Structure formats: C-alpha cells, structure tokens
Amino acid sequence: MLVLSEFTGAADELRRAVRVNPHDIEGLKDAIMTAIEMPPAEQGRRMRSLRKRVLENDVTAWSDSFLAALAEAREGRA
C-alpha cells in the first residue's frame, strides 16, 4: 500500500493512495496503521488502480499531451 504526502505533485493523480500530511505526526502514524491494517483485497484493488494510473500517465503521455497543447495554441494564433 502506498502512503503518500498530500504535498507531492503526484497526490492529485494517485488518489487511491493513503494520503497524509507529513507534518502531522499523529496523522502520519494513523495513515501508516490504516495501510497496514487494510484488508488485503482492498490493498490489491488500490494498488492495481495506482499502477494503472502510473502506466497511463508516464512521461511519454505527459510530453505528448504537452506538445499537442502547444500545437493547438500555435494553430489558434495563426
């Protein structure tokens, strides 16, 4: 199970992670315990969702969408 700081850029994309404010020590402890105590079936579902998201939104996908947006912006000015 992934425990992820809510301050990371990936937090908006990886919503199935257990998110935590790393400055909140009690909250961090609770998040780790939540991840540890989570039923295996739920852990599996969440991790499959997280892996799928990462595979779909890799650097190639990001650069393709960025370049497409640039091309659209350029066409809009022409």
PDB file of N, CA and C in Angstrom:
ATOM      1  N   MET A   1       0.841  -1.170   0.000  1.00  0.00           N
ATOM      2  CA  MET A   1       0.000   0.000   0.000  1.00  0.00           C
ATOM      3  C   MET A   1       0.881   1.227   0.000  1.00  0.00           C
ATOM      4  N   LEU A   2       0.495   2.234  -0.759  1.00  0.00           N
ATOM      5  CA  LEU A   2       1.267   3.464  -0.871  1.00  0.00           C
ATOM      6  C   LEU A   2       0.738   4.514   0.108  1.00  0.00           C
ATOM      7  N   VAL A   3       1.608   5.014   0.977  1.00  0.00           N
ATOM      8  CA  VAL A   3       1.309   6.139   1.847  1.00  0.00           C
ATOM      9  C   VAL A   3       2.033   7.326   1.218  1.00  0.00           C
ATOM     10  N   LEU A   4       1.281   8.367   0.865  1.00  0.00           N
ATOM     11  CA  LEU A   4       1.818   9.452   0.056  1.00  0.00           C
ATOM     12  C   LEU A   4       1.511  10.806   0.684  1.00  0.00           C
ATOM     13  N   SER A   5       2.495  11.672   0.708  1.00  0.00           N
ATOM     14  CA  SER A   5       2.291  13.026   1.215  1.00  0.00           C
ATOM     15  C   SER A   5       1.298  13.760   0.329  1.00  0.00           C
ATOM     16  N   GLU A   6       0.392  14.468   0.961  1.00  0.00           N
ATOM     17  CA  GLU A   6      -0.578  15.264   0.200  1.00  0.00           C
ATOM     18  C   GLU A   6       0.081  16.454  -0.484  1.00  0.00           C
ATOM     19  N   PHE A   7       1.337  16.719  -0.167  1.00  0.00           N
ATOM     20  CA  PHE A   7       2.055  17.842  -0.761  1.00  0.00           C
ATOM     21  C   PHE A   7       2.807  17.458  -2.034  1.00  0.00           C
ATOM     22  N   THR A   8       2.844  16.201  -2.387  1.00  0.00           N
ATOM     23  CA  THR A   8       3.541  15.797  -3.603  1.00  0.00           C
ATOM     24  C   THR A   8       2.688  16.128  -4.819  1.00  0.00           C
ATOM     25  N   GLY A   9       3.343  16.371  -5.933  1.00  0.00           N
ATOM     26  CA  GLY A   9       2.607  16.621  -7.168  1.00  0.00           C
ATOM     27  C   GLY A   9       1.779  15.421  -7.593  1.00  0.00           C
ATOM     28  N   ALA A  10       2.243  14.250  -7.250  1.00  0.00           N
ATOM     29  CA  ALA A  10       1.549  13.023  -7.634  1.00  0.00           C
ATOM     30  C   ALA A  10       0.276  12.782  -6.829  1.00  0.00           C
ATOM     31  N   ALA A  11       0.108  13.476  -5.730  1.00  0.00           N
ATOM     32  CA  ALA A  11      -1.052  13.233  -4.866  1.00  0.00           C
ATOM     33  C   ALA A  11      -2.374  13.458  -5.598  1.00  0.00           C
ATOM     34  N   ASP A  12      -2.417  14.440  -6.492  1.00  0.00           N
ATOM     35  CA  ASP A  12      -3.653  14.693  -7.242  1.00  0.00           C
ATOM     36  C   ASP A  12      -3.962  13.572  -8.219  1.00  0.00           C
ATOM     37  N   GLU A  13      -2.940  12.915  -8.722  1.00  0.00           N
ATOM     38  CA  GLU A  13      -3.118  11.825  -9.677  1.00  0.00           C
ATOM     39  C   GLU A  13      -3.356  10.478  -8.990  1.00  0.00           C
ATOM     40  N   LEU A  14      -2.713  10.276  -7.866  1.00  0.00           N
ATOM     41  CA  LEU A  14      -2.739   8.966  -7.205  1.00  0.00           C
ATOM     42  C   LEU A  14      -3.698   8.990  -6.016  1.00  0.00           C
ATOM     43  N   ARG A  15      -4.958   9.152  -6.323  1.00  0.00           N
ATOM     44  CA  ARG A  15      -5.982   9.332  -5.296  1.00  0.00           C
ATOM     45  C   ARG A  15      -6.263   8.078  -4.474  1.00  0.00           C
ATOM     46  N   ARG A  16      -5.874   6.928  -4.957  1.00  0.00           N
ATOM     47  CA  ARG A  16      -6.130   5.685  -4.210  1.00  0.00           C
ATOM     48  C   ARG A  16      -5.054   5.411  -3.158  1.00  0.00           C
ATOM     49  N   ALA A  17      -4.025   6.226  -3.113  1.00  0.00           N
ATOM     50  CA  ALA A  17      -3.008   6.103  -2.062  1.00  0.00           C
ATOM     51  C   ALA A  17      -3.598   6.593  -0.746  1.00  0.00           C
ATOM     52  N   VAL A  18      -3.011   6.152   0.352  1.00  0.00           N
ATOM     53  CA  VAL A  18      -3.369   6.707   1.651  1.00  0.00           C
ATOM     54  C   VAL A  18      -2.596   8.016   1.761  1.00  0.00           C
ATOM     55  N   ARG A  19      -3.324   9.121   1.744  1.00  0.00           N
ATOM     56  CA  ARG A  19      -2.678  10.440   1.733  1.00  0.00           C
ATOM     57  C   ARG A  19      -2.516  10.961   3.144  1.00  0.00           C
ATOM     58  N   VAL A  20      -1.429  11.689   3.346  1.00  0.00           N
ATOM     59  CA  VAL A  20      -1.107  12.150   4.692  1.00  0.00           C
ATOM     60  C   VAL A  20      -0.376  13.485   4.648  1.00  0.00           C
ATOM     61  N   ASN A  21      -0.565  14.273   5.681  1.00  0.00           N
ATOM     62  CA  ASN A  21       0.233  15.467   5.885  1.00  0.00           C
ATOM     63  C   ASN A  21       1.466  15.019   6.679  1.00  0.00           C
ATOM     64  N   PRO A  22       2.643  15.042   6.092  1.00  0.00           N
ATOM     65  CA  PRO A  22       3.824  14.518   6.777  1.00  0.00           C
ATOM     66  C   PRO A  22       4.249  15.345   7.991  1.00  0.00           C
ATOM     67  N   HIS A  23       3.681  16.536   8.147  1.00  0.00           N
ATOM     68  CA  HIS A  23       3.999  17.368   9.308  1.00  0.00           C
ATOM     69  C   HIS A  23       3.119  17.036  10.505  1.00  0.00           C
ATOM     70  N   ASP A  24       2.088  16.254  10.270  1.00  0.00           N
ATOM     71  CA  ASP A  24       1.170  15.823  11.324  1.00  0.00           C
ATOM     72  C   ASP A  24       1.595  14.426  11.779  1.00  0.00           C
ATOM     73  N   ILE A  25       2.368  14.358  12.839  1.00  0.00           N
ATOM     74  CA  ILE A  25       2.945  13.089  13.268  1.00  0.00           C
ATOM     75  C   ILE A  25       1.860  12.074  13.631  1.00  0.00           C
ATOM     76  N   GLU A  26       0.828  12.498  14.349  1.00  0.00           N
ATOM     77  CA  GLU A  26      -0.259  11.571  14.702  1.00  0.00           C
ATOM     78  C   GLU A  26      -0.995  11.101  13.449  1.00  0.00           C
ATOM     79  N   GLY A  27      -1.231  12.033  12.527  1.00  0.00           N
ATOM     80  CA  GLY A  27      -1.888  11.664  11.273  1.00  0.00           C
ATOM     81  C   GLY A  27      -1.044  10.717  10.447  1.00  0.00           C
ATOM     82  N   LEU A  28       0.262  10.921  10.453  1.00  0.00           N
ATOM     83  CA  LEU A  28       1.178  10.032   9.741  1.00  0.00           C
ATOM     84  C   LEU A  28       1.126   8.630  10.334  1.00  0.00           C
ATOM     85  N   LYS A  29       1.165   8.569  11.654  1.00  0.00           N
ATOM     86  CA  LYS A  29       1.064   7.270  12.344  1.00  0.00           C
ATOM     87  C   LYS A  29      -0.255   6.580  11.988  1.00  0.00           C
ATOM     88  N   ASP A  30      -1.357   7.341  12.026  1.00  0.00           N
ATOM     89  CA  ASP A  30      -2.671   6.776  11.700  1.00  0.00           C
ATOM     90  C   ASP A  30      -2.727   6.279  10.260  1.00  0.00           C
ATOM     91  N   ALA A  31      -2.125   7.039   9.340  1.00  0.00           N
ATOM     92  CA  ALA A  31      -2.135   6.638   7.930  1.00  0.00           C
ATOM     93  C   ALA A  31      -1.351   5.342   7.722  1.00  0.00           C
ATOM     94  N   ILE A  32      -0.212   5.238   8.388  1.00  0.00           N
ATOM     95  CA  ILE A  32       0.583   4.009   8.270  1.00  0.00           C
ATOM     96  C   ILE A  32      -0.193   2.831   8.836  1.00  0.00           C
ATOM     97  N   MET A  33      -0.848   3.038   9.964  1.00  0.00           N
ATOM     98  CA  MET A  33      -1.640   1.951  10.561  1.00  0.00           C
ATOM     99  C   MET A  33      -2.830   1.587   9.655  1.00  0.00           C
ATOM    100  N   THR A  34      -3.440   2.589   9.047  1.00  0.00           N
ATOM    101  CA  THR A  34      -4.537   2.319   8.109  1.00  0.00           C
ATOM    102  C   THR A  34      -4.051   1.441   6.966  1.00  0.00           C
ATOM    103  N   ALA A  35      -2.893   1.767   6.423  1.00  0.00           N
ATOM    104  CA  ALA A  35      -2.336   0.983   5.312  1.00  0.00           C
ATOM    105  C   ALA A  35      -2.003  -0.434   5.752  1.00  0.00           C
ATOM    106  N   ILE A  36      -1.427  -0.567   6.940  1.00  0.00           N
ATOM    107  CA  ILE A  36      -1.043  -1.893   7.441  1.00  0.00           C
ATOM    108  C   ILE A  36      -2.263  -2.754   7.724  1.00  0.00           C
ATOM    109  N   GLU A  37      -3.284  -2.151   8.308  1.00  0.00           N
ATOM    110  CA  GLU A  37      -4.473  -2.898   8.732  1.00  0.00           C
ATOM    111  C   GLU A  37      -5.514  -3.053   7.635  1.00  0.00           C
ATOM    112  N   MET A  38      -5.311  -2.432   6.501  1.00  0.00           N
ATOM    113  CA  MET A  38      -6.270  -2.515   5.398  1.00  0.00           C
ATOM    114  C   MET A  38      -6.374  -3.968   4.920  1.00  0.00           C
ATOM    115  N   PRO A  39      -7.587  -4.426   4.656  1.00  0.00           N
ATOM    116  CA  PRO A  39      -7.736  -5.795   4.157  1.00  0.00           C
ATOM    117  C   PRO A  39      -6.943  -6.002   2.863  1.00  0.00           C
ATOM    118  N   PRO A  40      -6.342  -7.178   2.714  1.00  0.00           N
ATOM    119  CA  PRO A  40      -5.537  -7.449   1.516  1.00  0.00           C
ATOM    120  C   PRO A  40      -6.281  -7.207   0.202  1.00  0.00           C
ATOM    121  N   ALA A  41      -7.559  -7.529   0.161  1.00  0.00           N
ATOM    122  CA  ALA A  41      -8.324  -7.326  -1.078  1.00  0.00           C
ATOM    123  C   ALA A  41      -8.384  -5.833  -1.430  1.00  0.00           C
ATOM    124  N   GLU A  42      -8.588  -4.996  -0.425  1.00  0.00           N
ATOM    125  CA  GLU A  42      -8.626  -3.545  -0.674  1.00  0.00           C
ATOM    126  C   GLU A  42      -7.246  -3.032  -1.076  1.00  0.00           C
ATOM    127  N   GLN A  43      -6.213  -3.520  -0.419  1.00  0.00           N
ATOM    128  CA  GLN A  43      -4.847  -3.132  -0.792  1.00  0.00           C
ATOM    129  C   GLN A  43      -4.597  -3.465  -2.256  1.00  0.00           C
ATOM    130  N   GLY A  44      -5.009  -4.663  -2.661  1.00  0.00           N
ATOM    131  CA  GLY A  44      -4.820  -5.092  -4.049  1.00  0.00           C
ATOM    132  C   GLY A  44      -5.563  -4.203  -5.030  1.00  0.00           C
ATOM    133  N   ARG A  45      -6.824  -3.890  -4.719  1.00  0.00           N
ATOM    134  CA  ARG A  45      -7.624  -3.019  -5.607  1.00  0.00           C
ATOM    135  C   ARG A  45      -6.972  -1.645  -5.743  1.00  0.00           C
ATOM    136  N   ARG A  46      -6.555  -1.097  -4.621  1.00  0.00           N
ATOM    137  CA  ARG A  46      -5.938   0.227  -4.649  1.00  0.00           C
ATOM    138  C   ARG A  46      -4.628   0.201  -5.435  1.00  0.00           C
ATOM    139  N   MET A  47      -3.803  -0.802  -5.190  1.00  0.00           N
ATOM    140  CA  MET A  47      -2.515  -0.857  -5.874  1.00  0.00           C
ATOM    141  C   MET A  47      -2.692  -1.078  -7.373  1.00  0.00           C
ATOM    142  N   ARG A  48      -3.656  -1.885  -7.779  1.00  0.00           N
ATOM    143  CA  ARG A  48      -3.922  -2.064  -9.215  1.00  0.00           C
ATOM    144  C   ARG A  48      -4.325  -0.732  -9.846  1.00  0.00           C
ATOM    145  N   SER A  49      -5.182   0.001  -9.148  1.00  0.00           N
ATOM    146  CA  SER A  49      -5.604   1.310  -9.644  1.00  0.00           C
ATOM    147  C   SER A  49      -4.421   2.268  -9.742  1.00  0.00           C
ATOM    148  N   LEU A  50      -3.564   2.272  -8.733  1.00  0.00           N
ATOM    149  CA  LEU A  50      -2.387   3.150  -8.742  1.00  0.00           C
ATOM    150  C   LEU A  50      -1.433   2.779  -9.872  1.00  0.00           C
ATOM    151  N   ARG A  51      -1.182   1.480 -10.041  1.00  0.00           N
ATOM    152  CA  ARG A  51      -0.274   1.049 -11.127  1.00  0.00           C
ATOM    153  C   ARG A  51      -0.829   1.443 -12.487  1.00  0.00           C
ATOM    154  N   LYS A  52      -2.139   1.247 -12.669  1.00  0.00           N
ATOM    155  CA  LYS A  52      -2.772   1.600 -13.943  1.00  0.00           C
ATOM    156  C   LYS A  52      -2.608   3.096 -14.220  1.00  0.00           C
ATOM    157  N   ARG A  53      -2.822   3.895 -13.199  1.00  0.00           N
ATOM    158  CA  ARG A  53      -2.706   5.348 -13.353  1.00  0.00           C
ATOM    159  C   ARG A  53      -1.286   5.742 -13.749  1.00  0.00           C
ATOM    160  N   VAL A  54      -0.302   5.141 -13.101  1.00  0.00           N
ATOM    161  CA  VAL A  54       1.097   5.449 -13.401  1.00  0.00           C
ATOM    162  C   VAL A  54       1.450   5.004 -14.819  1.00  0.00           C
ATOM    163  N   LEU A  55       0.986   3.823 -15.212  1.00  0.00           N
ATOM    164  CA  LEU A  55       1.290   3.337 -16.558  1.00  0.00           C
ATOM    165  C   LEU A  55       0.628   4.197 -17.638  1.00  0.00           C
ATOM    166  N   GLU A  56      -0.566   4.701 -17.362  1.00  0.00           N
ATOM    167  CA  GLU A  56      -1.280   5.528 -18.341  1.00  0.00           C
ATOM    168  C   GLU A  56      -0.708   6.943 -18.418  1.00  0.00           C
ATOM    169  N   ASN A  57      -0.129   7.416 -17.346  1.00  0.00           N
ATOM    170  CA  ASN A  57       0.323   8.806 -17.279  1.00  0.00           C
ATOM    171  C   ASN A  57       1.825   8.888 -17.063  1.00  0.00           C
ATOM    172  N   ASP A  58       2.554   8.242 -17.917  1.00  0.00           N
ATOM    173  CA  ASP A  58       4.013   8.276 -17.806  1.00  0.00           C
ATOM    174  C   ASP A  58       4.559   9.508 -18.530  1.00  0.00           C
ATOM    175  N   VAL A  59       5.863   9.628 -18.557  1.00  0.00           N
ATOM    176  CA  VAL A  59       6.478  10.816 -19.144  1.00  0.00           C
ATOM    177  C   VAL A  59       6.164  10.936 -20.644  1.00  0.00           C
ATOM    178  N   THR A  60       6.010   9.833 -21.314  1.00  0.00           N
ATOM    179  CA  THR A  60       5.676   9.876 -22.738  1.00  0.00           C
ATOM    180  C   THR A  60       4.277  10.457 -22.944  1.00  0.00           C
ATOM    181  N   ALA A  61       3.331   9.991 -22.141  1.00  0.00           N
ATOM    182  CA  ALA A  61       1.962  10.514 -22.252  1.00  0.00           C
ATOM    183  C   ALA A  61       1.933  12.003 -21.913  1.00  0.00           C
ATOM    184  N   TRP A  62       2.673  12.387 -20.876  1.00  0.00           N
ATOM    185  CA  TRP A  62       2.720  13.795 -20.492  1.00  0.00           C
ATOM    186  C   TRP A  62       3.312  14.646 -21.613  1.00  0.00           C
ATOM    187  N   SER A  63       4.434  14.209 -22.172  1.00  0.00           N
ATOM    188  CA  SER A  63       5.071  15.021 -23.222  1.00  0.00           C
ATOM    189  C   SER A  63       4.194  15.085 -24.471  1.00  0.00           C
ATOM    190  N   ASP A  64       3.532  13.986 -24.813  1.00  0.00           N
ATOM    191  CA  ASP A  64       2.618  14.009 -25.970  1.00  0.00           C
ATOM    192  C   ASP A  64       1.496  15.024 -25.766  1.00  0.00           C
ATOM    193  N   SER A  65       0.895  15.023 -24.577  1.00  0.00           N
ATOM    194  CA  SER A  65      -0.208  15.958 -24.324  1.00  0.00           C
ATOM    195  C   SER A  65       0.299  17.394 -24.276  1.00  0.00           C
ATOM    196  N   PHE A  66       1.490  17.595 -23.733  1.00  0.00           N
ATOM    197  CA  PHE A  66       2.075  18.935 -23.668  1.00  0.00           C
ATOM    198  C   PHE A  66       2.339  19.464 -25.071  1.00  0.00           C
ATOM    199  N   LEU A  67       2.952  18.642 -25.922  1.00  0.00           N
ATOM    200  CA  LEU A  67       3.251  19.071 -27.286  1.00  0.00           C
ATOM    201  C   LEU A  67       1.978  19.294 -28.095  1.00  0.00           C
ATOM    202  N   ALA A  68       0.961  18.483 -27.856  1.00  0.00           N
ATOM    203  CA  ALA A  68      -0.321  18.680 -28.540  1.00  0.00           C
ATOM    204  C   ALA A  68      -0.955  20.006 -28.121  1.00  0.00           C
ATOM    205  N   ALA A  69      -0.869  20.340 -26.843  1.00  0.00           N
ATOM    206  CA  ALA A  69      -1.413  21.614 -26.367  1.00  0.00           C
ATOM    207  C   ALA A  69      -0.652  22.787 -26.976  1.00  0.00           C
ATOM    208  N   LEU A  70       0.655  22.643 -27.103  1.00  0.00           N
ATOM    209  CA  LEU A  70       1.435  23.696 -27.753  1.00  0.00           C
ATOM    210  C   LEU A  70       1.019  23.872 -29.213  1.00  0.00           C
ATOM    211  N   ALA A  71       0.830  22.763 -29.904  1.00  0.00           N
ATOM    212  CA  ALA A  71       0.425  22.821 -31.304  1.00  0.00           C
ATOM    213  C   ALA A  71      -0.948  23.482 -31.435  1.00  0.00           C
ATOM    214  N   GLU A  72      -1.869  23.157 -30.528  1.00  0.00           N
ATOM    215  CA  GLU A  72      -3.192  23.776 -30.556  1.00  0.00           C
ATOM    216  C   GLU A  72      -3.090  25.274 -30.322  1.00  0.00           C
ATOM    217  N   ALA A  73      -2.272  25.659 -29.375  1.00  0.00           N
ATOM    218  CA  ALA A  73      -2.098  27.091 -29.079  1.00  0.00           C
ATOM    219  C   ALA A  73      -1.510  27.815 -30.279  1.00  0.00           C
ATOM    220  N   ARG A  74      -0.576  27.182 -30.940  1.00  0.00           N
ATOM    221  CA  ARG A  74       0.054  27.785 -32.113  1.00  0.00           C
ATOM    222  C   ARG A  74      -0.952  27.943 -33.243  1.00  0.00           C
ATOM    223  N   GLU A  75      -1.770  26.919 -33.449  1.00  0.00           N
ATOM    224  CA  GLU A  75      -2.787  26.979 -34.507  1.00  0.00           C
ATOM    225  C   GLU A  75      -3.817  28.052 -34.202  1.00  0.00           C
ATOM    226  N   GLY A  76      -4.105  28.246 -32.930  1.00  0.00           N
ATOM    227  CA  GLY A  76      -5.090  29.252 -32.533  1.00  0.00           C
ATOM    228  C   GLY A  76      -4.623  30.670 -32.796  1.00  0.00           C
ATOM    229  N   ARG A  77      -3.300  30.872 -32.814  1.00  0.00           N
ATOM    230  CA  ARG A  77      -2.749  32.201 -33.077  1.00  0.00           C
ATOM    231  C   ARG A  77      -2.566  32.472 -34.556  1.00  0.00           C
ATOM    232  N   ALA A  78      -2.572  31.464 -35.371  1.00  0.00           N
ATOM    233  CA  ALA A  78      -2.293  31.638 -36.799  1.00  0.00           C
ATOM    234  C   ALA A  78      -3.453  32.259 -37.541  1.00  0.00           C
TER     235      ALA A  78
END
